Structure formats: structure tokens, C-alpha cells
Amino acid sequence: MRRLITALALMLLACGAQAFDLHELSAQMANPAVVHGPFIQEKHLRALPMPLTSQGTFVLARDFGLLWLLKTPLQQDYRITAQGIARRDATGWQMLPERNAGSEQNRLFFAVLQGDTSALERDFELQLSGASDHWQLRLTPRSLLLKQIFTQIQISGGHYVERIELSETQGDSTVLRMPHSISAMALSDSEQHDFVQ
């Protein structure tokens, strides 16, 4: 019986040592220099029977930022960097006001896609489960401002973020799916131009 208890204790210790934690998730998400792929975004509004769906592509560059290129139902390009959020128009990239309605959500997406758990922990309680190849992260708002917007945010993925669901306090939700993300060693010439322009 003592051997059985000792064996169980050793197994529990081994499982604890192998547990996937926030530090490992952050390192895993920050590892690729560039991640890009398609996205599908569904906005579920209580007042509408069907979700509003938009599609496009994204480019996440560890040393530059995020390009969010909406293709349908309308074409609109966004660039999110440490300097702020810019939208492309006919004359080039234009910085958006800091308190733009969508700026907090865009910054949140950026932190999530980068796996910047330290940035997320400032505003949310984080609860991670699963393993490195199949994990789920639940974010519960800490700040009064975010509590007025979101009830919770659920993120799941493997090597990359694959799904984000933002549940809003008034009953609406946004589901973002990125099912076919791939990594690259460097940006293409056009992508690099978009970041430095």
C-alpha cells in the first residue's frame, strides 16, 4: 500500500511538472517571427436571426505588429502597432483617435494573438487548461470598464490561436476563427512596406 501511495504521489508530481502554464503559452505564441492566414469573424446580435459575417486575412509580425485585412463584405485594412491603430484609405495609412470605439477590442486581439499574457493579466483574470497542442484560455474582466463591455472571453488553439469568442454584457457576441494559420521566417516585401509606411 505504501508503494502504491508513493507511486501515485510521484505520478501527480510528474503531471504537475508537465502542466502547460501561462509562461509556456506566452513563449509558444511569441516564438514564430510571422504568423498569417485567413480569418472568419461572426458578430452575433440579439436583434438579428443570423450573424453578421466578415472574412479576410491577417499578418502578425512579432517585431512589427498586426495587419488586419478585411475582404468581405467590404474591404478595409487596419494596422495595429505599439504606436496605435491605423486604417488605410486612398491616401495611405491614417492613425485613428486613441479612444476610437473599436480600439480596445483591436488592442485586445493584438495581445491575444501575440500570446502577451502579461498584458492580458493587467485587465483580466486568466484561467488556462489543456496542453500545448490543444489549450483553452478563459479571460474574466477585472477592470470596471471591461466588466461593462465583456462578461468573458474564451480563446482556444494549438500552436497558434484558432478561435476567440467575446461574450458581451448586453447579450451579443463575436466569434473569430483562424483555422489555417501558418508561420513564416520573415515578412514579404509588401507586408514589410505596410508596416513601415
N, C-alpha and C. Protein backbone atom coordinates (compact mmCIF):
# COMPACT_ATOMS: atom_id res chain seq x y z
N MET A 1 0.82 -1.19 0.00
CA MET A 1 0.00 0.00 0.00
C MET A 1 0.86 1.26 0.00
N ARG A 2 1.96 1.23 0.76
CA ARG A 2 2.84 2.39 0.80
C ARG A 2 3.45 2.66 -0.57
N ARG A 3 3.82 1.58 -1.26
CA ARG A 3 4.39 1.73 -2.61
C ARG A 3 3.38 2.36 -3.57
N LEU A 4 2.12 1.95 -3.44
CA LEU A 4 1.07 2.48 -4.30
C LEU A 4 0.91 3.99 -4.06
N ILE A 5 0.88 4.39 -2.79
CA ILE A 5 0.75 5.81 -2.45
C ILE A 5 1.96 6.60 -2.96
N THR A 6 3.16 6.02 -2.79
CA THR A 6 4.38 6.66 -3.28
C THR A 6 4.33 6.80 -4.80
N ALA A 7 3.90 5.76 -5.49
CA ALA A 7 3.79 5.80 -6.96
C ALA A 7 2.79 6.85 -7.41
N LEU A 8 1.63 6.91 -6.73
CA LEU A 8 0.62 7.92 -7.07
C LEU A 8 1.15 9.33 -6.83
N ALA A 9 1.84 9.52 -5.72
CA ALA A 9 2.42 10.83 -5.41
C ALA A 9 3.43 11.24 -6.48
N LEU A 10 4.28 10.30 -6.91
CA LEU A 10 5.26 10.60 -7.96
C LEU A 10 4.57 10.93 -9.28
N MET A 11 3.49 10.20 -9.60
CA MET A 11 2.74 10.48 -10.83
C MET A 11 2.14 11.88 -10.80
N LEU A 12 1.57 12.24 -9.64
CA LEU A 12 0.98 13.58 -9.51
C LEU A 12 2.04 14.67 -9.64
N LEU A 13 3.21 14.43 -9.03
CA LEU A 13 4.30 15.40 -9.16
C LEU A 13 4.75 15.52 -10.61
N ALA A 14 4.85 14.40 -11.31
CA ALA A 14 5.26 14.41 -12.72
C ALA A 14 4.24 15.16 -13.56
N CYS A 15 2.95 14.91 -13.29
CA CYS A 15 1.90 15.61 -14.04
C CYS A 15 1.95 17.11 -13.78
N GLY A 16 2.20 17.48 -12.52
CA GLY A 16 2.29 18.89 -12.17
C GLY A 16 3.46 19.55 -12.85
N ALA A 17 4.58 18.83 -12.96
CA ALA A 17 5.78 19.39 -13.59
C ALA A 17 5.56 19.58 -15.09
N GLN A 18 4.68 18.74 -15.69
CA GLN A 18 4.46 18.82 -17.13
C GLN A 18 3.27 19.70 -17.50
N ALA A 19 2.59 20.27 -16.52
CA ALA A 19 1.41 21.08 -16.78
C ALA A 19 1.77 22.27 -17.67
N PHE A 20 0.89 22.57 -18.59
CA PHE A 20 1.06 23.69 -19.50
C PHE A 20 0.62 24.96 -18.78
N ASP A 21 1.51 25.95 -18.66
CA ASP A 21 1.18 27.16 -17.92
C ASP A 21 1.20 28.40 -18.80
N LEU A 22 0.84 29.54 -18.21
CA LEU A 22 0.75 30.79 -18.96
C LEU A 22 2.09 31.22 -19.54
N HIS A 23 3.17 30.98 -18.79
CA HIS A 23 4.50 31.34 -19.29
C HIS A 23 4.83 30.55 -20.55
N GLU A 24 4.51 29.25 -20.55
CA GLU A 24 4.78 28.42 -21.73
C GLU A 24 3.89 28.81 -22.90
N LEU A 25 2.63 29.16 -22.61
CA LEU A 25 1.73 29.61 -23.68
C LEU A 25 2.27 30.89 -24.31
N SER A 26 2.69 31.84 -23.48
CA SER A 26 3.22 33.10 -23.98
C SER A 26 4.45 32.86 -24.85
N ALA A 27 5.35 31.99 -24.40
CA ALA A 27 6.56 31.67 -25.17
C ALA A 27 6.20 31.00 -26.49
N GLN A 28 5.23 30.11 -26.45
CA GLN A 28 4.81 29.40 -27.67
C GLN A 28 4.22 30.36 -28.70
N MET A 29 3.39 31.30 -28.23
CA MET A 29 2.75 32.25 -29.14
C MET A 29 3.75 33.28 -29.69
N ALA A 30 4.77 33.60 -28.90
CA ALA A 30 5.75 34.62 -29.32
C ALA A 30 6.85 34.03 -30.19
N ASN A 31 6.91 32.71 -30.30
CA ASN A 31 8.03 32.07 -30.99
C ASN A 31 8.11 32.37 -32.49
N PRO A 32 7.05 32.21 -33.28
CA PRO A 32 7.18 32.48 -34.72
C PRO A 32 7.40 33.97 -35.00
N ALA A 33 8.28 34.26 -35.95
CA ALA A 33 8.53 35.66 -36.33
C ALA A 33 7.30 36.25 -37.02
N VAL A 34 6.63 35.44 -37.84
CA VAL A 34 5.46 35.89 -38.59
C VAL A 34 4.43 34.76 -38.61
N VAL A 35 3.18 35.11 -38.35
CA VAL A 35 2.06 34.18 -38.49
C VAL A 35 1.03 34.87 -39.37
N HIS A 36 0.52 34.14 -40.35
CA HIS A 36 -0.52 34.74 -41.19
C HIS A 36 -1.52 33.67 -41.62
N GLY A 37 -2.66 34.14 -42.09
CA GLY A 37 -3.70 33.21 -42.54
C GLY A 37 -5.02 33.92 -42.70
N PRO A 38 -6.05 33.16 -43.05
CA PRO A 38 -7.39 33.72 -43.20
C PRO A 38 -8.11 33.81 -41.85
N PHE A 39 -9.11 34.66 -41.78
CA PHE A 39 -9.98 34.70 -40.61
C PHE A 39 -11.42 34.83 -41.05
N ILE A 40 -12.31 34.33 -40.20
CA ILE A 40 -13.76 34.49 -40.37
C ILE A 40 -14.27 35.06 -39.06
N GLN A 41 -14.97 36.18 -39.14
CA GLN A 41 -15.50 36.83 -37.94
C GLN A 41 -17.01 36.85 -38.02
N GLU A 42 -17.66 36.37 -36.96
CA GLU A 42 -19.12 36.38 -36.88
C GLU A 42 -19.55 37.25 -35.72
N LYS A 43 -20.40 38.21 -36.00
CA LYS A 43 -20.96 39.07 -34.96
C LYS A 43 -22.40 38.62 -34.72
N HIS A 44 -22.66 38.06 -33.56
CA HIS A 44 -23.99 37.57 -33.20
C HIS A 44 -24.70 38.66 -32.41
N LEU A 45 -25.74 39.24 -33.03
CA LEU A 45 -26.51 40.30 -32.39
C LEU A 45 -27.87 39.74 -31.97
N ARG A 46 -28.29 40.09 -30.77
CA ARG A 46 -29.58 39.59 -30.28
C ARG A 46 -30.72 39.96 -31.21
N ALA A 47 -30.63 41.12 -31.84
CA ALA A 47 -31.73 41.62 -32.67
C ALA A 47 -31.80 40.94 -34.05
N LEU A 48 -30.79 40.19 -34.44
CA LEU A 48 -30.76 39.58 -35.76
C LEU A 48 -30.75 38.05 -35.67
N PRO A 49 -31.50 37.37 -36.56
CA PRO A 49 -31.56 35.91 -36.51
C PRO A 49 -30.27 35.23 -36.99
N MET A 50 -29.52 35.90 -37.86
CA MET A 50 -28.29 35.33 -38.40
C MET A 50 -27.12 36.24 -38.05
N PRO A 51 -25.93 35.65 -37.85
CA PRO A 51 -24.78 36.51 -37.53
C PRO A 51 -24.32 37.32 -38.74
N LEU A 52 -23.70 38.47 -38.46
CA LEU A 52 -23.05 39.26 -39.50
C LEU A 52 -21.65 38.66 -39.68
N THR A 53 -21.34 38.24 -40.89
CA THR A 53 -20.08 37.54 -41.14
C THR A 53 -19.16 38.37 -42.02
N SER A 54 -17.91 38.45 -41.61
CA SER A 54 -16.89 39.10 -42.42
C SER A 54 -15.69 38.17 -42.52
N GLN A 55 -14.92 38.34 -43.60
CA GLN A 55 -13.76 37.49 -43.83
C GLN A 55 -12.60 38.32 -44.32
N GLY A 56 -11.41 37.79 -44.12
CA GLY A 56 -10.22 38.48 -44.59
C GLY A 56 -8.98 37.68 -44.24
N THR A 57 -7.86 38.38 -44.19
CA THR A 57 -6.59 37.74 -43.83
C THR A 57 -5.89 38.60 -42.79
N PHE A 58 -4.96 37.99 -42.07
CA PHE A 58 -4.19 38.73 -41.09
C PHE A 58 -2.72 38.37 -41.22
N VAL A 59 -1.87 39.29 -40.77
CA VAL A 59 -0.43 39.07 -40.68
C VAL A 59 0.00 39.57 -39.31
N LEU A 60 0.52 38.68 -38.49
CA LEU A 60 1.02 39.03 -37.17
C LEU A 60 2.53 38.90 -37.19
N ALA A 61 3.24 40.02 -37.04
CA ALA A 61 4.70 40.03 -37.07
C ALA A 61 5.21 40.41 -35.69
N ARG A 62 5.98 39.51 -35.09
CA ARG A 62 6.46 39.70 -33.72
C ARG A 62 7.13 41.06 -33.52
N ASP A 63 7.93 41.51 -34.47
CA ASP A 63 8.71 42.75 -34.32
C ASP A 63 8.03 43.99 -34.89
N PHE A 64 6.82 43.81 -35.47
CA PHE A 64 6.17 44.95 -36.13
C PHE A 64 4.77 45.22 -35.61
N GLY A 65 3.90 44.21 -35.63
CA GLY A 65 2.53 44.42 -35.21
C GLY A 65 1.58 43.49 -35.95
N LEU A 66 0.36 43.98 -36.16
CA LEU A 66 -0.70 43.18 -36.77
C LEU A 66 -1.31 43.92 -37.94
N LEU A 67 -1.40 43.24 -39.08
CA LEU A 67 -2.18 43.74 -40.22
C LEU A 67 -3.47 42.94 -40.25
N TRP A 68 -4.59 43.64 -40.27
CA TRP A 68 -5.91 43.01 -40.26
C TRP A 68 -6.61 43.47 -41.53
N LEU A 69 -6.68 42.59 -42.53
CA LEU A 69 -7.11 42.97 -43.88
C LEU A 69 -8.48 42.37 -44.17
N LEU A 70 -9.50 43.17 -43.99
CA LEU A 70 -10.88 42.75 -44.20
C LEU A 70 -11.17 42.74 -45.71
N LYS A 71 -11.73 41.61 -46.20
CA LYS A 71 -12.00 41.47 -47.63
C LYS A 71 -13.50 41.55 -47.95
N THR A 72 -14.33 40.90 -47.14
CA THR A 72 -15.78 40.91 -47.35
C THR A 72 -16.49 41.11 -46.02
N PRO A 73 -17.64 41.76 -45.97
CA PRO A 73 -18.45 42.28 -47.07
C PRO A 73 -17.92 43.58 -47.67
N LEU A 74 -16.96 44.22 -46.99
CA LEU A 74 -16.33 45.41 -47.56
C LEU A 74 -14.83 45.29 -47.32
N GLN A 75 -14.08 46.02 -48.10
CA GLN A 75 -12.63 45.96 -47.97
C GLN A 75 -12.15 47.10 -47.08
N GLN A 76 -11.42 46.73 -46.02
CA GLN A 76 -10.88 47.72 -45.11
C GLN A 76 -9.66 47.14 -44.42
N ASP A 77 -8.54 47.87 -44.46
CA ASP A 77 -7.29 47.39 -43.87
C ASP A 77 -6.97 48.17 -42.60
N TYR A 78 -6.53 47.42 -41.56
CA TYR A 78 -6.10 48.03 -40.30
C TYR A 78 -4.69 47.57 -39.98
N ARG A 79 -3.96 48.44 -39.32
CA ARG A 79 -2.62 48.12 -38.84
C ARG A 79 -2.55 48.48 -37.36
N ILE A 80 -2.19 47.51 -36.53
CA ILE A 80 -2.11 47.72 -35.09
C ILE A 80 -0.65 47.54 -34.68
N THR A 81 -0.06 48.58 -34.13
CA THR A 81 1.33 48.55 -33.69
C THR A 81 1.43 49.20 -32.31
N ALA A 82 2.62 49.27 -31.77
CA ALA A 82 2.84 49.92 -30.48
C ALA A 82 2.48 51.42 -30.56
N GLN A 83 2.53 52.00 -31.75
CA GLN A 83 2.20 53.42 -31.92
C GLN A 83 0.70 53.68 -31.95
N GLY A 84 -0.10 52.64 -32.14
CA GLY A 84 -1.55 52.82 -32.19
C GLY A 84 -2.16 52.05 -33.35
N ILE A 85 -3.38 52.44 -33.69
CA ILE A 85 -4.14 51.77 -34.73
C ILE A 85 -4.31 52.71 -35.91
N ALA A 86 -4.03 52.19 -37.11
CA ALA A 86 -4.16 52.97 -38.33
C ALA A 86 -5.10 52.24 -39.29
N ARG A 87 -5.82 53.02 -40.08
CA ARG A 87 -6.70 52.47 -41.12
C ARG A 87 -6.22 53.00 -42.46
N ARG A 88 -6.22 52.14 -43.47
CA ARG A 88 -5.75 52.58 -44.79
C ARG A 88 -6.91 53.20 -45.58
N ASP A 89 -6.64 54.37 -46.17
CA ASP A 89 -7.59 54.96 -47.09
C ASP A 89 -6.87 55.23 -48.41
N ALA A 90 -7.50 55.99 -49.30
CA ALA A 90 -6.93 56.23 -50.63
C ALA A 90 -5.58 56.94 -50.57
N THR A 91 -5.29 57.66 -49.50
CA THR A 91 -4.04 58.40 -49.40
C THR A 91 -2.96 57.67 -48.60
N GLY A 92 -3.31 56.53 -48.02
CA GLY A 92 -2.33 55.76 -47.23
C GLY A 92 -2.87 55.45 -45.85
N TRP A 93 -1.98 55.16 -44.91
CA TRP A 93 -2.36 54.80 -43.54
C TRP A 93 -2.65 56.05 -42.72
N GLN A 94 -3.80 56.06 -42.04
CA GLN A 94 -4.20 57.19 -41.20
C GLN A 94 -4.40 56.68 -39.77
N MET A 95 -3.73 57.31 -38.81
CA MET A 95 -3.88 56.91 -37.41
C MET A 95 -5.29 57.23 -36.93
N LEU A 96 -5.87 56.32 -36.16
CA LEU A 96 -7.20 56.53 -35.60
C LEU A 96 -7.07 57.17 -34.22
N PRO A 97 -8.08 57.91 -33.79
CA PRO A 97 -8.04 58.50 -32.45
C PRO A 97 -7.86 57.41 -31.40
N GLU A 98 -7.13 57.71 -30.35
CA GLU A 98 -6.83 56.72 -29.30
C GLU A 98 -8.08 56.13 -28.68
N ARG A 99 -9.12 56.90 -28.54
CA ARG A 99 -10.33 56.40 -27.88
C ARG A 99 -11.39 56.00 -28.90
N ASN A 100 -10.97 55.57 -30.07
CA ASN A 100 -11.90 55.06 -31.06
C ASN A 100 -12.65 53.88 -30.45
N ALA A 101 -13.93 53.71 -30.81
CA ALA A 101 -14.78 52.69 -30.20
C ALA A 101 -14.19 51.29 -30.32
N GLY A 102 -13.55 50.99 -31.44
CA GLY A 102 -13.02 49.64 -31.62
C GLY A 102 -11.58 49.47 -31.18
N SER A 103 -10.97 50.54 -30.66
CA SER A 103 -9.53 50.46 -30.38
C SER A 103 -9.20 49.48 -29.26
N GLU A 104 -10.02 49.43 -28.20
CA GLU A 104 -9.75 48.50 -27.11
C GLU A 104 -9.87 47.05 -27.58
N GLN A 105 -10.88 46.77 -28.41
CA GLN A 105 -11.05 45.42 -28.92
C GLN A 105 -9.88 45.05 -29.82
N ASN A 106 -9.43 45.98 -30.66
CA ASN A 106 -8.29 45.70 -31.53
C ASN A 106 -7.01 45.45 -30.74
N ARG A 107 -6.78 46.24 -29.70
CA ARG A 107 -5.60 46.04 -28.85
C ARG A 107 -5.68 44.68 -28.15
N LEU A 108 -6.88 44.32 -27.75
CA LEU A 108 -7.08 43.03 -27.10
C LEU A 108 -6.75 41.90 -28.06
N PHE A 109 -7.24 41.97 -29.30
CA PHE A 109 -6.92 40.96 -30.31
C PHE A 109 -5.41 40.84 -30.49
N PHE A 110 -4.75 41.98 -30.54
CA PHE A 110 -3.30 42.01 -30.72
C PHE A 110 -2.61 41.27 -29.58
N ALA A 111 -2.99 41.57 -28.35
CA ALA A 111 -2.38 40.90 -27.19
C ALA A 111 -2.67 39.42 -27.20
N VAL A 112 -3.89 39.05 -27.57
CA VAL A 112 -4.27 37.63 -27.61
C VAL A 112 -3.45 36.89 -28.66
N LEU A 113 -3.39 37.43 -29.88
CA LEU A 113 -2.68 36.76 -30.96
C LEU A 113 -1.19 36.65 -30.68
N GLN A 114 -0.65 37.63 -29.98
CA GLN A 114 0.77 37.58 -29.62
C GLN A 114 1.05 36.67 -28.43
N GLY A 115 -0.01 36.28 -27.73
CA GLY A 115 0.18 35.49 -26.52
C GLY A 115 0.79 36.31 -25.41
N ASP A 116 0.49 37.60 -25.38
CA ASP A 116 1.06 38.50 -24.38
C ASP A 116 0.24 38.40 -23.10
N THR A 117 0.49 37.32 -22.34
CA THR A 117 -0.31 37.07 -21.14
C THR A 117 -0.08 38.13 -20.07
N SER A 118 1.10 38.74 -20.01
CA SER A 118 1.34 39.79 -19.01
C SER A 118 0.46 41.01 -19.29
N ALA A 119 0.28 41.35 -20.56
CA ALA A 119 -0.62 42.47 -20.92
C ALA A 119 -2.06 42.10 -20.59
N LEU A 120 -2.45 40.85 -20.86
CA LEU A 120 -3.81 40.42 -20.58
C LEU A 120 -4.09 40.37 -19.08
N GLU A 121 -3.09 39.97 -18.28
CA GLU A 121 -3.28 39.84 -16.84
C GLU A 121 -3.54 41.18 -16.15
N ARG A 122 -3.15 42.27 -16.78
CA ARG A 122 -3.43 43.58 -16.19
C ARG A 122 -4.94 43.85 -16.12
N ASP A 123 -5.66 43.34 -17.11
CA ASP A 123 -7.09 43.64 -17.20
C ASP A 123 -8.01 42.45 -16.97
N PHE A 124 -7.45 41.23 -16.95
CA PHE A 124 -8.27 40.03 -16.85
C PHE A 124 -7.69 39.02 -15.87
N GLU A 125 -8.57 38.21 -15.30
CA GLU A 125 -8.14 37.00 -14.61
C GLU A 125 -8.05 35.92 -15.68
N LEU A 126 -6.93 35.20 -15.73
CA LEU A 126 -6.69 34.20 -16.77
C LEU A 126 -6.80 32.80 -16.19
N GLN A 127 -7.52 31.93 -16.90
CA GLN A 127 -7.63 30.54 -16.48
C GLN A 127 -7.31 29.66 -17.69
N LEU A 128 -6.17 28.98 -17.63
CA LEU A 128 -5.67 28.17 -18.74
C LEU A 128 -5.87 26.70 -18.44
N SER A 129 -6.32 25.95 -19.46
CA SER A 129 -6.42 24.50 -19.33
C SER A 129 -5.95 23.86 -20.62
N GLY A 130 -5.64 22.57 -20.56
CA GLY A 130 -5.22 21.83 -21.74
C GLY A 130 -3.72 21.69 -21.83
N ALA A 131 -3.25 21.38 -23.04
CA ALA A 131 -1.83 21.14 -23.31
C ALA A 131 -1.38 22.05 -24.45
N SER A 132 -0.10 22.03 -24.76
CA SER A 132 0.46 22.96 -25.74
C SER A 132 -0.16 22.81 -27.13
N ASP A 133 -0.63 21.60 -27.46
CA ASP A 133 -1.20 21.40 -28.80
C ASP A 133 -2.72 21.54 -28.83
N HIS A 134 -3.35 21.73 -27.66
CA HIS A 134 -4.80 21.90 -27.60
C HIS A 134 -5.14 22.54 -26.25
N TRP A 135 -5.26 23.87 -26.22
CA TRP A 135 -5.46 24.61 -24.98
C TRP A 135 -6.66 25.54 -25.07
N GLN A 136 -7.15 25.92 -23.89
CA GLN A 136 -8.24 26.88 -23.78
C GLN A 136 -7.84 27.90 -22.71
N LEU A 137 -8.12 29.15 -23.00
CA LEU A 137 -7.81 30.23 -22.06
C LEU A 137 -9.07 31.06 -21.87
N ARG A 138 -9.50 31.17 -20.61
CA ARG A 138 -10.68 32.00 -20.31
C ARG A 138 -10.23 33.28 -19.64
N LEU A 139 -10.72 34.41 -20.15
CA LEU A 139 -10.40 35.72 -19.61
C LEU A 139 -11.65 36.29 -18.96
N THR A 140 -11.55 36.63 -17.69
CA THR A 140 -12.65 37.27 -16.96
C THR A 140 -12.21 38.68 -16.62
N PRO A 141 -12.98 39.69 -17.02
CA PRO A 141 -12.55 41.08 -16.82
C PRO A 141 -12.34 41.43 -15.35
N ARG A 142 -11.28 42.21 -15.09
CA ARG A 142 -11.00 42.74 -13.75
C ARG A 142 -11.51 44.18 -13.63
N SER A 143 -11.20 44.99 -14.65
CA SER A 143 -11.48 46.43 -14.56
C SER A 143 -12.97 46.70 -14.75
N LEU A 144 -13.43 47.77 -14.11
CA LEU A 144 -14.84 48.16 -14.20
C LEU A 144 -15.23 48.44 -15.65
N LEU A 145 -14.35 49.10 -16.40
CA LEU A 145 -14.63 49.42 -17.80
C LEU A 145 -14.87 48.16 -18.61
N LEU A 146 -13.97 47.18 -18.49
CA LEU A 146 -14.12 45.96 -19.26
C LEU A 146 -15.30 45.12 -18.79
N LYS A 147 -15.62 45.18 -17.50
CA LYS A 147 -16.79 44.46 -16.98
C LYS A 147 -18.08 45.01 -17.58
N GLN A 148 -18.06 46.28 -17.98
CA GLN A 148 -19.24 46.88 -18.61
C GLN A 148 -19.38 46.44 -20.07
N ILE A 149 -18.30 45.92 -20.66
CA ILE A 149 -18.31 45.52 -22.07
C ILE A 149 -18.43 44.00 -22.22
N PHE A 150 -17.56 43.26 -21.51
CA PHE A 150 -17.48 41.80 -21.68
C PHE A 150 -17.86 41.07 -20.40
N THR A 151 -18.54 39.92 -20.57
CA THR A 151 -18.72 39.02 -19.44
C THR A 151 -17.52 38.08 -19.35
N GLN A 152 -17.07 37.60 -20.51
CA GLN A 152 -15.87 36.77 -20.56
C GLN A 152 -15.38 36.66 -22.00
N ILE A 153 -14.15 36.20 -22.14
CA ILE A 153 -13.56 35.94 -23.45
C ILE A 153 -12.96 34.54 -23.40
N GLN A 154 -13.29 33.72 -24.38
CA GLN A 154 -12.77 32.36 -24.46
C GLN A 154 -11.84 32.28 -25.67
N ILE A 155 -10.64 31.79 -25.46
CA ILE A 155 -9.65 31.65 -26.54
C ILE A 155 -9.20 30.21 -26.56
N SER A 156 -9.06 29.64 -27.74
CA SER A 156 -8.55 28.27 -27.83
C SER A 156 -7.62 28.16 -29.02
N GLY A 157 -6.75 27.17 -28.97
CA GLY A 157 -5.81 26.97 -30.06
C GLY A 157 -4.89 25.81 -29.81
N GLY A 158 -3.88 25.74 -30.64
CA GLY A 158 -2.84 24.73 -30.54
C GLY A 158 -1.51 25.45 -30.65
N HIS A 159 -0.84 25.30 -31.78
CA HIS A 159 0.41 26.04 -31.99
C HIS A 159 0.14 27.54 -32.15
N TYR A 160 -1.06 27.87 -32.66
CA TYR A 160 -1.47 29.25 -32.84
C TYR A 160 -2.88 29.42 -32.26
N VAL A 161 -3.32 30.65 -32.10
CA VAL A 161 -4.70 30.91 -31.70
C VAL A 161 -5.60 30.48 -32.86
N GLU A 162 -6.65 29.71 -32.55
CA GLU A 162 -7.56 29.23 -33.59
C GLU A 162 -8.96 29.81 -33.46
N ARG A 163 -9.35 30.18 -32.24
CA ARG A 163 -10.72 30.67 -32.04
C ARG A 163 -10.75 31.63 -30.85
N ILE A 164 -11.48 32.73 -31.03
CA ILE A 164 -11.69 33.71 -29.96
C ILE A 164 -13.19 34.00 -29.91
N GLU A 165 -13.76 33.93 -28.72
CA GLU A 165 -15.17 34.28 -28.56
C GLU A 165 -15.29 35.34 -27.48
N LEU A 166 -15.82 36.49 -27.85
CA LEU A 166 -16.02 37.60 -26.92
C LEU A 166 -17.50 37.67 -26.58
N SER A 167 -17.84 37.43 -25.32
CA SER A 167 -19.23 37.50 -24.87
C SER A 167 -19.45 38.86 -24.21
N GLU A 168 -20.41 39.60 -24.74
CA GLU A 168 -20.65 40.97 -24.26
C GLU A 168 -21.78 41.01 -23.24
N THR A 169 -21.77 42.02 -22.41
CA THR A 169 -22.72 42.09 -21.29
C THR A 169 -24.17 42.21 -21.77
N GLN A 170 -24.40 42.84 -22.92
CA GLN A 170 -25.78 43.03 -23.37
C GLN A 170 -26.32 41.82 -24.14
N GLY A 171 -25.52 40.73 -24.21
CA GLY A 171 -26.00 39.50 -24.84
C GLY A 171 -25.47 39.24 -26.23
N ASP A 172 -24.80 40.21 -26.85
CA ASP A 172 -24.19 39.99 -28.16
C ASP A 172 -22.86 39.27 -27.98
N SER A 173 -22.36 38.70 -29.07
CA SER A 173 -21.05 38.05 -29.00
C SER A 173 -20.37 38.12 -30.36
N THR A 174 -19.06 37.98 -30.32
CA THR A 174 -18.25 37.95 -31.54
C THR A 174 -17.41 36.68 -31.50
N VAL A 175 -17.45 35.92 -32.59
CA VAL A 175 -16.64 34.71 -32.72
C VAL A 175 -15.67 34.93 -33.88
N LEU A 176 -14.40 34.75 -33.58
CA LEU A 176 -13.35 34.92 -34.57
C LEU A 176 -12.64 33.59 -34.74
N ARG A 177 -12.61 33.08 -35.98
CA ARG A 177 -11.95 31.79 -36.25
C ARG A 177 -10.79 32.02 -37.20
N MET A 178 -9.65 31.42 -36.87
CA MET A 178 -8.45 31.47 -37.71
C MET A 178 -7.94 30.04 -37.88
N PRO A 179 -8.62 29.26 -38.74
CA PRO A 179 -8.38 27.83 -38.78
C PRO A 179 -7.12 27.38 -39.52
N HIS A 180 -6.56 28.22 -40.36
CA HIS A 180 -5.44 27.77 -41.20
C HIS A 180 -4.23 28.69 -41.10
N SER A 181 -3.85 29.06 -39.90
CA SER A 181 -2.69 29.93 -39.72
C SER A 181 -1.40 29.16 -39.97
N ILE A 182 -0.44 29.85 -40.57
CA ILE A 182 0.89 29.26 -40.79
C ILE A 182 1.95 30.29 -40.41
N SER A 183 3.14 29.79 -40.13
CA SER A 183 4.22 30.69 -39.75
C SER A 183 5.18 30.92 -40.91
N ALA A 184 5.95 31.98 -40.82
CA ALA A 184 6.97 32.30 -41.82
C ALA A 184 8.18 32.89 -41.09
N MET A 185 9.33 32.81 -41.73
CA MET A 185 10.56 33.35 -41.12
C MET A 185 10.62 34.87 -41.20
N ALA A 186 9.97 35.43 -42.24
CA ALA A 186 10.06 36.89 -42.44
C ALA A 186 8.83 37.38 -43.18
N LEU A 187 8.62 38.69 -43.15
CA LEU A 187 7.54 39.33 -43.89
C LEU A 187 7.86 39.35 -45.37
N SER A 188 6.81 39.36 -46.20
CA SER A 188 7.01 39.61 -47.63
C SER A 188 7.36 41.09 -47.81
N ASP A 189 7.81 41.46 -48.99
CA ASP A 189 8.16 42.87 -49.25
C ASP A 189 6.95 43.78 -49.07
N SER A 190 5.78 43.34 -49.57
CA SER A 190 4.57 44.19 -49.46
C SER A 190 4.12 44.30 -48.02
N GLU A 191 4.23 43.21 -47.24
CA GLU A 191 3.86 43.26 -45.83
C GLU A 191 4.78 44.20 -45.05
N GLN A 192 6.07 44.11 -45.34
CA GLN A 192 7.02 44.98 -44.66
C GLN A 192 6.75 46.44 -45.00
N HIS A 193 6.41 46.69 -46.25
CA HIS A 193 6.08 48.06 -46.69
C HIS A 193 4.87 48.59 -45.92
N ASP A 194 3.87 47.73 -45.72
CA ASP A 194 2.67 48.16 -44.98
C ASP A 194 2.99 48.51 -43.54
N PHE A 195 3.96 47.85 -42.93
CA PHE A 195 4.29 48.14 -41.55
C PHE A 195 5.15 49.41 -41.40
N VAL A 196 6.01 49.68 -42.36
CA VAL A 196 6.93 50.82 -42.21
C VAL A 196 6.45 52.10 -42.88
N GLN A 197 5.40 52.01 -43.67
CA GLN A 197 4.90 53.18 -44.41
C GLN A 197 4.33 54.22 -43.46
